[in-house]
N, C-alpha and C. Protein backbone atom coordinates (compact mmCIF):
# COMPACT_ATOMS: atom_id res chain seq x y z
N MET A 1 -10.10 -70.00 -33.00
CA MET A 1 -10.76 -68.83 -32.45
C MET A 1 -12.18 -68.74 -32.99
N LYS A 2 -13.02 -68.25 -32.19
CA LYS A 2 -14.41 -68.16 -32.57
C LYS A 2 -14.64 -67.18 -33.71
N SER A 3 -13.87 -66.10 -33.74
CA SER A 3 -14.07 -65.07 -34.75
C SER A 3 -13.45 -65.44 -36.10
N GLY A 4 -12.58 -66.46 -36.11
CA GLY A 4 -11.95 -66.86 -37.35
C GLY A 4 -10.73 -66.02 -37.69
N LEU A 5 -10.28 -65.20 -36.73
CA LEU A 5 -9.09 -64.39 -36.95
C LEU A 5 -7.89 -65.10 -36.34
N PHE A 6 -6.79 -65.05 -37.04
CA PHE A 6 -5.58 -65.70 -36.57
C PHE A 6 -4.48 -64.65 -36.49
N GLU A 7 -3.73 -64.66 -35.39
CA GLU A 7 -2.67 -63.68 -35.19
C GLU A 7 -1.36 -64.37 -34.87
N LEU A 8 -0.29 -63.77 -35.33
CA LEU A 8 1.06 -64.22 -35.01
C LEU A 8 1.90 -62.98 -34.80
N ASN A 9 2.48 -62.86 -33.62
CA ASN A 9 3.28 -61.69 -33.27
C ASN A 9 2.50 -60.40 -33.46
N GLY A 10 1.23 -60.42 -33.12
CA GLY A 10 0.39 -59.23 -33.20
C GLY A 10 -0.08 -58.86 -34.59
N GLN A 11 0.20 -59.71 -35.57
CA GLN A 11 -0.18 -59.44 -36.95
C GLN A 11 -1.23 -60.45 -37.40
N ALA A 12 -2.31 -59.97 -38.01
CA ALA A 12 -3.37 -60.86 -38.51
C ALA A 12 -2.86 -61.61 -39.74
N ILE A 13 -3.07 -62.92 -39.73
CA ILE A 13 -2.67 -63.75 -40.87
C ILE A 13 -3.81 -64.72 -41.18
N ASP A 14 -3.76 -65.34 -42.36
CA ASP A 14 -4.81 -66.29 -42.72
C ASP A 14 -4.53 -67.65 -42.07
N TYR A 15 -5.52 -68.52 -42.14
CA TYR A 15 -5.45 -69.82 -41.47
C TYR A 15 -4.26 -70.65 -41.94
N TYR A 16 -4.05 -70.70 -43.25
CA TYR A 16 -2.96 -71.50 -43.82
C TYR A 16 -1.61 -71.07 -43.26
N ASP A 17 -1.35 -69.76 -43.25
CA ASP A 17 -0.08 -69.26 -42.72
C ASP A 17 0.02 -69.48 -41.22
N TYR A 18 -1.10 -69.39 -40.51
CA TYR A 18 -1.11 -69.64 -39.08
C TYR A 18 -0.70 -71.08 -38.78
N VAL A 19 -1.28 -72.02 -39.51
CA VAL A 19 -0.94 -73.44 -39.29
C VAL A 19 0.52 -73.69 -39.63
N ARG A 20 1.00 -73.12 -40.72
CA ARG A 20 2.41 -73.29 -41.10
C ARG A 20 3.33 -72.74 -40.02
N ALA A 21 2.99 -71.58 -39.48
CA ALA A 21 3.82 -70.97 -38.44
C ALA A 21 3.81 -71.82 -37.18
N ARG A 22 2.65 -72.33 -36.80
CA ARG A 22 2.57 -73.16 -35.59
C ARG A 22 3.37 -74.45 -35.75
N LEU A 23 3.27 -75.06 -36.92
CA LEU A 23 4.02 -76.29 -37.17
C LEU A 23 5.51 -76.03 -37.27
N GLY A 24 5.87 -74.82 -37.66
CA GLY A 24 7.27 -74.45 -37.80
C GLY A 24 7.85 -73.81 -36.56
N GLY A 25 7.23 -74.00 -35.42
CA GLY A 25 7.77 -73.45 -34.19
C GLY A 25 7.48 -71.97 -34.01
N ARG A 26 6.37 -71.50 -34.54
CA ARG A 26 5.91 -70.11 -34.45
C ARG A 26 6.76 -69.14 -35.25
N ARG A 27 7.63 -69.65 -36.10
CA ARG A 27 8.42 -68.79 -36.98
C ARG A 27 7.96 -69.04 -38.41
N LEU A 28 7.36 -68.05 -39.03
CA LEU A 28 6.86 -68.21 -40.39
C LEU A 28 7.89 -67.65 -41.36
N ARG A 29 8.42 -68.53 -42.17
CA ARG A 29 9.37 -68.11 -43.20
C ARG A 29 8.71 -68.33 -44.54
N PHE A 30 8.73 -67.31 -45.37
CA PHE A 30 8.12 -67.42 -46.68
C PHE A 30 9.15 -67.04 -47.73
N ASP A 31 9.52 -68.01 -48.55
CA ASP A 31 10.45 -67.79 -49.66
C ASP A 31 9.65 -68.00 -50.93
N PRO A 32 9.19 -66.91 -51.57
CA PRO A 32 8.31 -67.05 -52.73
C PRO A 32 8.91 -67.89 -53.86
N LEU A 33 10.18 -67.74 -54.12
CA LEU A 33 10.80 -68.53 -55.20
C LEU A 33 10.77 -70.02 -54.88
N ARG A 34 11.05 -70.35 -53.65
CA ARG A 34 11.04 -71.76 -53.24
C ARG A 34 9.62 -72.31 -53.25
N GLU A 35 8.67 -71.51 -52.80
CA GLU A 35 7.26 -71.93 -52.78
C GLU A 35 6.78 -72.25 -54.20
N ILE A 36 7.08 -71.38 -55.15
CA ILE A 36 6.65 -71.59 -56.54
C ILE A 36 7.37 -72.80 -57.14
N ALA A 37 8.67 -72.91 -56.88
CA ALA A 37 9.42 -74.05 -57.41
C ALA A 37 8.85 -75.37 -56.90
N ASP A 38 8.55 -75.43 -55.61
CA ASP A 38 7.97 -76.65 -55.04
C ASP A 38 6.60 -76.95 -55.63
N MET A 39 5.81 -75.89 -55.85
CA MET A 39 4.48 -76.08 -56.43
C MET A 39 4.57 -76.59 -57.87
N VAL A 40 5.52 -76.07 -58.64
CA VAL A 40 5.69 -76.51 -60.03
C VAL A 40 6.12 -77.98 -60.07
N VAL A 41 7.07 -78.34 -59.21
CA VAL A 41 7.53 -79.73 -59.16
C VAL A 41 6.37 -80.65 -58.77
N SER A 42 5.58 -80.23 -57.81
CA SER A 42 4.43 -81.04 -57.38
C SER A 42 3.41 -81.19 -58.50
N ASN A 43 3.12 -80.10 -59.18
CA ASN A 43 2.14 -80.15 -60.29
C ASN A 43 2.64 -81.04 -61.42
N CYS A 44 3.92 -80.95 -61.75
CA CYS A 44 4.49 -81.79 -62.80
C CYS A 44 4.42 -83.27 -62.42
N ALA A 45 4.69 -83.57 -61.16
CA ALA A 45 4.61 -84.95 -60.70
C ALA A 45 3.18 -85.45 -60.77
N ASP A 46 2.22 -84.61 -60.43
CA ASP A 46 0.82 -85.00 -60.50
C ASP A 46 0.40 -85.27 -61.94
N LEU A 47 0.87 -84.44 -62.86
CA LEU A 47 0.51 -84.62 -64.26
C LEU A 47 1.19 -85.84 -64.89
N GLY A 48 2.36 -86.16 -64.37
CA GLY A 48 3.11 -87.31 -64.89
C GLY A 48 2.47 -88.57 -64.46
């Protein structure tokens, strides 16, 4: 979009969440515990 605004189901969201929702079939699921766990595992692998 030209304005840089992204919407999903009538709700404004940021670009990252918009892309995730589009790739996930327009359904955005956010599990904070899983997100943090995946990020920690990724960071540990990078440091290793």
